[in-house]
N, C-alpha and C. Protein backbone atom coordinates (compact mmCIF):
# COMPACT_ATOMS: atom_id res chain seq x y z
N UNK A 1 0.84 -1.18 0.00
CA UNK A 1 0.00 0.00 0.00
C UNK A 1 0.88 1.24 0.00
N UNK A 2 0.50 2.20 -0.79
CA UNK A 2 1.18 3.49 -0.82
C UNK A 2 0.34 4.49 -0.03
N UNK A 3 0.99 5.22 0.88
CA UNK A 3 0.29 6.20 1.70
C UNK A 3 0.69 7.59 1.24
N UNK A 4 -0.32 8.39 0.95
CA UNK A 4 -0.11 9.79 0.57
C UNK A 4 -0.83 10.66 1.58
N UNK A 5 -0.29 11.86 1.79
CA UNK A 5 -0.94 12.79 2.70
C UNK A 5 -0.89 14.19 2.11
N UNK A 6 -1.85 15.00 2.50
CA UNK A 6 -1.91 16.37 2.02
C UNK A 6 -2.71 17.21 2.99
N UNK A 7 -2.33 18.47 3.07
CA UNK A 7 -3.00 19.42 3.97
C UNK A 7 -4.14 20.10 3.22
N UNK A 8 -5.27 20.23 3.87
CA UNK A 8 -6.37 21.01 3.32
C UNK A 8 -7.17 20.29 2.25
N UNK A 9 -7.90 21.07 1.48
CA UNK A 9 -8.87 20.52 0.54
C UNK A 9 -8.48 20.64 -0.93
N UNK A 10 -7.49 21.42 -1.25
CA UNK A 10 -7.18 21.70 -2.65
C UNK A 10 -6.14 20.75 -3.21
N UNK A 11 -6.46 19.47 -3.19
CA UNK A 11 -5.51 18.47 -3.68
C UNK A 11 -6.26 17.16 -3.96
N UNK A 12 -5.68 16.30 -4.80
CA UNK A 12 -6.36 15.04 -5.12
C UNK A 12 -6.44 14.05 -3.96
N UNK A 13 -5.52 14.11 -3.01
CA UNK A 13 -5.59 13.22 -1.84
C UNK A 13 -6.88 13.50 -1.07
N UNK A 14 -7.18 14.76 -0.86
CA UNK A 14 -8.41 15.10 -0.14
C UNK A 14 -9.64 14.60 -0.89
N UNK A 15 -9.65 14.75 -2.20
CA UNK A 15 -10.81 14.29 -2.99
C UNK A 15 -11.01 12.78 -2.82
N UNK A 16 -9.91 12.02 -2.79
CA UNK A 16 -10.01 10.57 -2.57
C UNK A 16 -10.48 10.26 -1.16
N UNK A 17 -9.97 11.00 -0.17
CA UNK A 17 -10.40 10.82 1.22
C UNK A 17 -11.89 11.10 1.35
N UNK A 18 -12.33 12.17 0.73
CA UNK A 18 -13.74 12.55 0.79
C UNK A 18 -14.64 11.47 0.19
N UNK A 19 -14.21 10.88 -0.92
CA UNK A 19 -15.02 9.84 -1.54
C UNK A 19 -15.15 8.61 -0.64
N UNK A 20 -14.04 8.22 0.00
CA UNK A 20 -14.10 7.08 0.93
C UNK A 20 -15.05 7.40 2.08
N UNK A 21 -14.95 8.59 2.64
CA UNK A 21 -15.81 8.98 3.76
C UNK A 21 -17.28 9.00 3.35
N UNK A 22 -17.57 9.49 2.16
CA UNK A 22 -18.96 9.49 1.68
C UNK A 22 -19.46 8.06 1.53
N UNK A 23 -18.62 7.19 0.96
CA UNK A 23 -19.02 5.79 0.76
C UNK A 23 -19.29 5.09 2.09
N UNK A 24 -18.39 5.29 3.06
CA UNK A 24 -18.48 4.56 4.32
C UNK A 24 -19.44 5.22 5.30
N UNK A 25 -19.22 6.48 5.61
CA UNK A 25 -20.00 7.12 6.67
C UNK A 25 -21.40 7.52 6.22
N UNK A 26 -21.52 8.08 5.03
CA UNK A 26 -22.82 8.57 4.59
C UNK A 26 -23.65 7.45 3.96
N UNK A 27 -23.11 6.78 2.94
CA UNK A 27 -23.88 5.75 2.25
C UNK A 27 -24.06 4.49 3.09
N UNK A 28 -22.98 4.01 3.68
CA UNK A 28 -23.03 2.72 4.38
C UNK A 28 -23.60 2.84 5.80
N UNK A 29 -23.11 3.82 6.58
CA UNK A 29 -23.54 3.94 7.98
C UNK A 29 -24.72 4.88 8.17
N UNK A 30 -25.10 5.59 7.13
CA UNK A 30 -26.27 6.45 7.21
C UNK A 30 -26.09 7.72 8.00
N UNK A 31 -24.86 8.18 8.14
CA UNK A 31 -24.59 9.42 8.88
C UNK A 31 -25.04 10.62 8.03
N UNK A 32 -25.66 11.58 8.68
CA UNK A 32 -26.11 12.80 8.03
C UNK A 32 -24.92 13.49 7.36
N UNK A 33 -25.02 13.81 6.08
CA UNK A 33 -23.91 14.47 5.38
C UNK A 33 -23.44 15.76 6.06
N UNK A 34 -24.36 16.49 6.70
CA UNK A 34 -23.96 17.73 7.37
C UNK A 34 -23.09 17.45 8.60
N UNK A 35 -23.28 16.30 9.24
CA UNK A 35 -22.42 15.93 10.37
C UNK A 35 -21.06 15.46 9.87
N UNK A 36 -21.08 14.64 8.82
CA UNK A 36 -19.82 14.11 8.29
C UNK A 36 -18.97 15.21 7.66
N UNK A 37 -19.59 16.03 6.87
CA UNK A 37 -18.89 17.12 6.18
C UNK A 37 -19.01 18.36 7.05
N UNK A 38 -18.21 18.39 8.12
CA UNK A 38 -18.36 19.35 9.20
C UNK A 38 -17.74 20.72 8.95
N UNK A 39 -17.20 20.95 7.76
CA UNK A 39 -16.65 22.25 7.42
C UNK A 39 -15.26 22.52 7.95
N UNK A 40 -14.59 21.51 8.51
CA UNK A 40 -13.24 21.74 9.07
C UNK A 40 -12.14 21.05 8.27
N UNK A 41 -12.47 20.43 7.15
CA UNK A 41 -11.47 19.68 6.38
C UNK A 41 -10.31 20.55 5.89
N UNK A 42 -10.55 21.83 5.65
CA UNK A 42 -9.47 22.68 5.14
C UNK A 42 -8.37 22.90 6.17
N UNK A 43 -8.67 22.66 7.45
CA UNK A 43 -7.69 22.86 8.52
C UNK A 43 -7.07 21.55 9.01
N UNK A 44 -7.16 20.49 8.21
CA UNK A 44 -6.70 19.17 8.64
C UNK A 44 -5.72 18.56 7.63
N UNK A 45 -4.94 17.60 8.14
CA UNK A 45 -4.08 16.78 7.29
C UNK A 45 -4.87 15.53 6.94
N UNK A 46 -4.87 15.17 5.66
CA UNK A 46 -5.61 14.01 5.18
C UNK A 46 -4.63 12.95 4.70
N UNK A 47 -4.83 11.73 5.17
CA UNK A 47 -4.04 10.58 4.76
C UNK A 47 -4.93 9.66 3.94
N UNK A 48 -4.38 9.09 2.88
CA UNK A 48 -5.09 8.09 2.10
C UNK A 48 -4.12 6.97 1.76
N UNK A 49 -4.56 5.73 1.97
CA UNK A 49 -3.80 4.56 1.57
C UNK A 49 -4.33 4.05 0.24
N UNK A 50 -3.40 3.85 -0.71
CA UNK A 50 -3.77 3.42 -2.06
C UNK A 50 -3.28 2.00 -2.30
N UNK A 51 -4.15 1.18 -2.85
CA UNK A 51 -3.80 -0.18 -3.23
C UNK A 51 -3.99 -0.27 -4.74
N UNK A 52 -2.93 -0.61 -5.44
CA UNK A 52 -2.97 -0.63 -6.91
C UNK A 52 -3.48 0.71 -7.44
N UNK A 53 -3.00 1.79 -6.82
CA UNK A 53 -3.31 3.17 -7.18
C UNK A 53 -4.78 3.55 -6.99
N UNK A 54 -5.53 2.73 -6.24
CA UNK A 54 -6.93 3.02 -5.94
C UNK A 54 -7.05 3.38 -4.45
N UNK A 55 -7.79 4.44 -4.11
CA UNK A 55 -7.95 4.81 -2.70
C UNK A 55 -8.70 3.73 -1.93
N UNK A 56 -8.11 3.28 -0.83
CA UNK A 56 -8.69 2.18 -0.06
C UNK A 56 -9.06 2.57 1.36
N UNK A 57 -8.24 3.39 2.01
CA UNK A 57 -8.46 3.73 3.41
C UNK A 57 -8.03 5.17 3.65
N UNK A 58 -8.62 5.81 4.66
CA UNK A 58 -8.32 7.21 4.91
C UNK A 58 -8.42 7.54 6.40
N UNK A 59 -7.82 8.65 6.77
CA UNK A 59 -7.96 9.25 8.10
C UNK A 59 -7.59 10.72 7.96
N UNK A 60 -8.13 11.54 8.85
CA UNK A 60 -7.69 12.94 8.88
C UNK A 60 -7.12 13.23 10.26
N UNK A 61 -6.23 14.20 10.31
CA UNK A 61 -5.51 14.53 11.53
C UNK A 61 -5.79 15.98 11.92
N UNK A 62 -6.13 16.17 13.18
CA UNK A 62 -6.34 17.49 13.74
C UNK A 62 -5.20 17.76 14.72
N UNK A 63 -4.49 18.85 14.51
CA UNK A 63 -3.41 19.23 15.40
C UNK A 63 -4.02 19.94 16.62
N UNK A 64 -3.77 19.40 17.81
CA UNK A 64 -4.32 19.95 19.03
C UNK A 64 -3.24 20.62 19.86
N UNK A 65 -3.64 21.44 20.79
CA UNK A 65 -2.69 22.07 21.70
C UNK A 65 -2.07 21.02 22.61
N UNK A 66 -0.94 21.34 23.18
CA UNK A 66 -0.31 20.45 24.15
C UNK A 66 0.36 19.25 23.52
N UNK A 67 0.96 19.42 22.35
CA UNK A 67 1.71 18.34 21.67
C UNK A 67 0.86 17.10 21.44
N UNK A 68 -0.39 17.30 21.03
CA UNK A 68 -1.30 16.20 20.75
C UNK A 68 -1.83 16.31 19.33
N UNK A 69 -2.16 15.16 18.77
CA UNK A 69 -2.91 15.11 17.52
C UNK A 69 -4.11 14.22 17.72
N UNK A 70 -5.15 14.48 16.95
CA UNK A 70 -6.35 13.66 17.03
C UNK A 70 -6.62 13.06 15.66
N UNK A 71 -6.71 11.74 15.64
CA UNK A 71 -7.06 11.03 14.42
C UNK A 71 -8.58 11.03 14.30
N UNK A 72 -9.06 11.39 13.13
CA UNK A 72 -10.49 11.45 12.90
C UNK A 72 -10.84 10.80 11.57
N UNK A 73 -12.08 10.47 11.40
CA UNK A 73 -12.65 10.03 10.11
C UNK A 73 -11.89 8.86 9.49
N UNK A 74 -11.54 7.87 10.32
CA UNK A 74 -10.88 6.66 9.81
C UNK A 74 -11.93 5.82 9.09
N UNK A 75 -11.67 5.49 7.84
CA UNK A 75 -12.63 4.72 7.05
C UNK A 75 -11.89 3.90 6.00
N UNK A 76 -12.44 2.74 5.70
CA UNK A 76 -11.89 1.86 4.67
C UNK A 76 -13.02 1.41 3.76
N UNK A 77 -12.78 1.47 2.47
CA UNK A 77 -13.77 0.99 1.50
C UNK A 77 -14.12 -0.46 1.81
N UNK A 78 -15.36 -0.84 1.59
CA UNK A 78 -15.86 -2.16 1.96
C UNK A 78 -15.01 -3.29 1.38
N UNK A 79 -14.66 -3.19 0.10
CA UNK A 79 -13.90 -4.27 -0.55
C UNK A 79 -12.43 -4.29 -0.16
N UNK A 80 -11.98 -3.30 0.61
CA UNK A 80 -10.58 -3.24 1.04
C UNK A 80 -10.41 -3.61 2.52
N UNK A 81 -11.49 -3.97 3.19
CA UNK A 81 -11.41 -4.29 4.62
C UNK A 81 -10.80 -5.66 4.86
N UNK A 82 -10.25 -5.82 6.07
CA UNK A 82 -9.68 -7.09 6.54
C UNK A 82 -8.39 -7.46 5.80
N UNK A 83 -7.68 -6.43 5.34
CA UNK A 83 -6.36 -6.64 4.71
C UNK A 83 -5.26 -5.93 5.49
N UNK A 84 -5.62 -5.24 6.58
CA UNK A 84 -4.63 -4.54 7.39
C UNK A 84 -4.31 -3.14 6.93
N UNK A 85 -5.05 -2.62 5.95
CA UNK A 85 -4.72 -1.30 5.40
C UNK A 85 -4.92 -0.17 6.40
N UNK A 86 -6.03 -0.18 7.13
CA UNK A 86 -6.27 0.88 8.11
C UNK A 86 -5.22 0.84 9.22
N UNK A 87 -4.85 -0.36 9.65
CA UNK A 87 -3.80 -0.48 10.67
C UNK A 87 -2.48 0.08 10.18
N UNK A 88 -2.15 -0.20 8.94
CA UNK A 88 -0.92 0.33 8.34
C UNK A 88 -0.96 1.85 8.29
N UNK A 89 -2.12 2.39 7.94
CA UNK A 89 -2.28 3.85 7.88
C UNK A 89 -2.11 4.47 9.26
N UNK A 90 -2.73 3.88 10.28
CA UNK A 90 -2.62 4.40 11.65
C UNK A 90 -1.17 4.33 12.12
N UNK A 91 -0.48 3.24 11.82
CA UNK A 91 0.93 3.11 12.21
C UNK A 91 1.77 4.20 11.55
N UNK A 92 1.47 4.54 10.30
CA UNK A 92 2.20 5.62 9.62
C UNK A 92 1.95 6.96 10.29
N UNK A 93 0.70 7.20 10.67
CA UNK A 93 0.37 8.45 11.36
C UNK A 93 1.14 8.54 12.67
N UNK A 94 1.22 7.44 13.41
CA UNK A 94 1.97 7.43 14.67
C UNK A 94 3.46 7.68 14.41
N UNK A 95 4.00 7.05 13.38
CA UNK A 95 5.42 7.27 13.03
C UNK A 95 5.67 8.73 12.68
N UNK A 96 4.77 9.33 11.92
CA UNK A 96 4.91 10.74 11.57
C UNK A 96 4.83 11.62 12.82
N UNK A 97 3.95 11.25 13.74
CA UNK A 97 3.83 12.01 14.98
C UNK A 97 5.10 11.93 15.81
N UNK A 98 5.73 10.75 15.81
CA UNK A 98 6.98 10.57 16.57
C UNK A 98 8.10 11.47 16.06
N UNK A 99 8.06 11.82 14.78
CA UNK A 99 9.10 12.67 14.18
C UNK A 99 8.95 14.13 14.58
N UNK A 100 7.81 14.48 15.17
CA UNK A 100 7.58 15.85 15.61
C UNK A 100 7.58 15.90 17.13
N UNK A 101 7.02 16.93 17.68
CA UNK A 101 6.98 17.08 19.14
C UNK A 101 5.74 16.45 19.76
N UNK A 102 5.00 15.67 18.99
CA UNK A 102 3.76 15.08 19.48
C UNK A 102 4.07 14.03 20.55
N UNK A 103 3.33 14.09 21.65
CA UNK A 103 3.51 13.11 22.73
C UNK A 103 2.30 12.20 22.90
N UNK A 104 1.14 12.63 22.36
CA UNK A 104 -0.07 11.82 22.48
C UNK A 104 -0.86 11.87 21.18
N UNK A 105 -1.39 10.72 20.83
CA UNK A 105 -2.30 10.60 19.69
C UNK A 105 -3.64 10.16 20.27
N UNK A 106 -4.69 10.89 19.95
CA UNK A 106 -6.01 10.60 20.49
C UNK A 106 -6.98 10.32 19.36
N UNK A 107 -8.07 9.65 19.68
CA UNK A 107 -9.14 9.42 18.71
C UNK A 107 -10.41 9.05 19.44
N UNK A 108 -11.53 9.24 18.77
CA UNK A 108 -12.82 8.80 19.28
C UNK A 108 -13.24 7.62 18.42
N UNK A 109 -13.19 6.42 18.99
CA UNK A 109 -13.45 5.19 18.25
C UNK A 109 -14.89 4.75 18.39
N UNK A 110 -15.45 4.28 17.27
CA UNK A 110 -16.74 3.63 17.37
C UNK A 110 -16.57 2.39 18.24
N UNK A 111 -17.57 2.08 19.06
CA UNK A 111 -17.49 0.93 19.96
C UNK A 111 -17.05 -0.34 19.23
N UNK A 112 -17.53 -0.52 18.01
CA UNK A 112 -17.21 -1.73 17.26
C UNK A 112 -15.75 -1.81 16.85
N UNK A 113 -15.01 -0.70 16.96
CA UNK A 113 -13.61 -0.67 16.53
C UNK A 113 -12.63 -0.65 17.69
N UNK A 114 -13.10 -0.77 18.92
CA UNK A 114 -12.20 -0.67 20.08
C UNK A 114 -11.07 -1.70 20.03
N UNK A 115 -11.37 -2.94 19.74
CA UNK A 115 -10.33 -3.98 19.71
C UNK A 115 -9.28 -3.69 18.65
N UNK A 116 -9.71 -3.18 17.51
CA UNK A 116 -8.77 -2.81 16.45
C UNK A 116 -7.75 -1.80 16.97
N UNK A 117 -8.21 -0.76 17.64
CA UNK A 117 -7.30 0.27 18.14
C UNK A 117 -6.47 -0.24 19.32
N UNK A 118 -7.04 -1.09 20.16
CA UNK A 118 -6.28 -1.66 21.27
C UNK A 118 -5.10 -2.46 20.74
N UNK A 119 -5.29 -3.21 19.65
CA UNK A 119 -4.20 -3.98 19.04
C UNK A 119 -3.08 -3.07 18.54
N UNK A 120 -3.40 -1.82 18.23
CA UNK A 120 -2.40 -0.86 17.77
C UNK A 120 -1.75 -0.10 18.91
N UNK A 121 -2.16 -0.39 20.15
CA UNK A 121 -1.54 0.23 21.31
C UNK A 121 -2.33 1.36 21.96
N UNK A 122 -3.54 1.60 21.52
CA UNK A 122 -4.38 2.64 22.11
C UNK A 122 -5.07 2.08 23.35
N UNK A 123 -5.33 2.97 24.33
CA UNK A 123 -6.07 2.60 25.52
C UNK A 123 -7.31 3.49 25.65
N UNK A 124 -8.36 2.93 26.19
CA UNK A 124 -9.61 3.68 26.40
C UNK A 124 -9.40 4.64 27.56
N UNK A 125 -9.80 5.90 27.38
CA UNK A 125 -9.64 6.88 28.46
C UNK A 125 -10.95 7.58 28.82
N UNK A 126 -12.03 7.22 28.17
CA UNK A 126 -13.27 7.91 28.47
C UNK A 126 -14.47 6.98 28.46
N UNK A 127 -15.58 7.52 28.95
CA UNK A 127 -16.83 6.78 28.98
C UNK A 127 -17.47 6.76 27.60
N UNK A 128 -18.48 5.93 27.44
CA UNK A 128 -19.20 5.84 26.18
C UNK A 128 -19.96 7.15 25.95
N UNK A 129 -19.90 7.65 24.73
CA UNK A 129 -20.69 8.80 24.32
C UNK A 129 -21.20 8.56 22.91
N UNK A 130 -22.21 9.30 22.54
CA UNK A 130 -22.81 9.12 21.23
C UNK A 130 -22.40 10.24 20.29
N UNK A 131 -22.01 9.86 19.09
CA UNK A 131 -21.70 10.82 18.04
C UNK A 131 -22.36 10.32 16.77
N UNK A 132 -23.18 11.15 16.16
CA UNK A 132 -23.92 10.80 14.95
C UNK A 132 -24.76 9.53 15.16
N UNK A 133 -25.26 9.36 16.39
CA UNK A 133 -26.10 8.22 16.70
C UNK A 133 -25.36 6.91 16.90
N UNK A 134 -24.03 6.97 16.99
CA UNK A 134 -23.19 5.78 17.12
C UNK A 134 -22.40 5.86 18.42
N UNK A 135 -22.39 4.81 19.25
CA UNK A 135 -21.60 4.83 20.49
C UNK A 135 -20.10 4.87 20.20
N UNK A 136 -19.39 5.74 20.92
CA UNK A 136 -17.94 5.94 20.77
C UNK A 136 -17.26 5.91 22.14
N UNK A 137 -15.96 5.74 22.12
CA UNK A 137 -15.10 5.89 23.31
C UNK A 137 -13.85 6.65 22.89
N UNK A 138 -13.38 7.53 23.73
CA UNK A 138 -12.13 8.23 23.48
C UNK A 138 -10.97 7.30 23.83
N UNK A 139 -9.95 7.30 22.98
CA UNK A 139 -8.78 6.46 23.18
C UNK A 139 -7.51 7.28 23.00
N UNK A 140 -6.41 6.78 23.59
CA UNK A 140 -5.14 7.51 23.53
C UNK A 140 -3.98 6.57 23.30
N UNK A 141 -3.02 7.05 22.53
CA UNK A 141 -1.74 6.36 22.32
C UNK A 141 -0.67 7.33 22.81
N UNK A 142 0.14 6.91 23.77
CA UNK A 142 1.19 7.77 24.30
C UNK A 142 2.51 7.42 23.64
N UNK A 143 3.17 8.43 23.11
CA UNK A 143 4.46 8.23 22.45
C UNK A 143 5.57 8.31 23.49
N UNK A 144 6.34 7.25 23.57
CA UNK A 144 7.41 7.20 24.59
C UNK A 144 8.62 7.99 24.15
């Protein structure tokens, strides 16, 4: 898998990320487009994993205060699931964070994805909350 990243919305990586998010969150999970397309994409870093030059998995990164980043909008196209692509993408994001002053990587995981993130080294740090009608938990990865 080839991983590409780009800042903001004016690039082909973002367009590929957006298509994956529309396919997964809006079409498949039924999330309201106004919630998914929250108007903050221009201020985020977008990662896309490509398999045979086709967009397969994505995540966006929000830079937070206090040497933290937040991984958001992790999604994988249906036919690309269960191949390890999202895990590879998350590992790349963590590696990139290690190269900077980032000390913590955070995310809000859907309940159904908790084990996936635990296998990558994330720990649950918050109670269950609902986002877009889906139960989530906040998780953290601490960079040593």
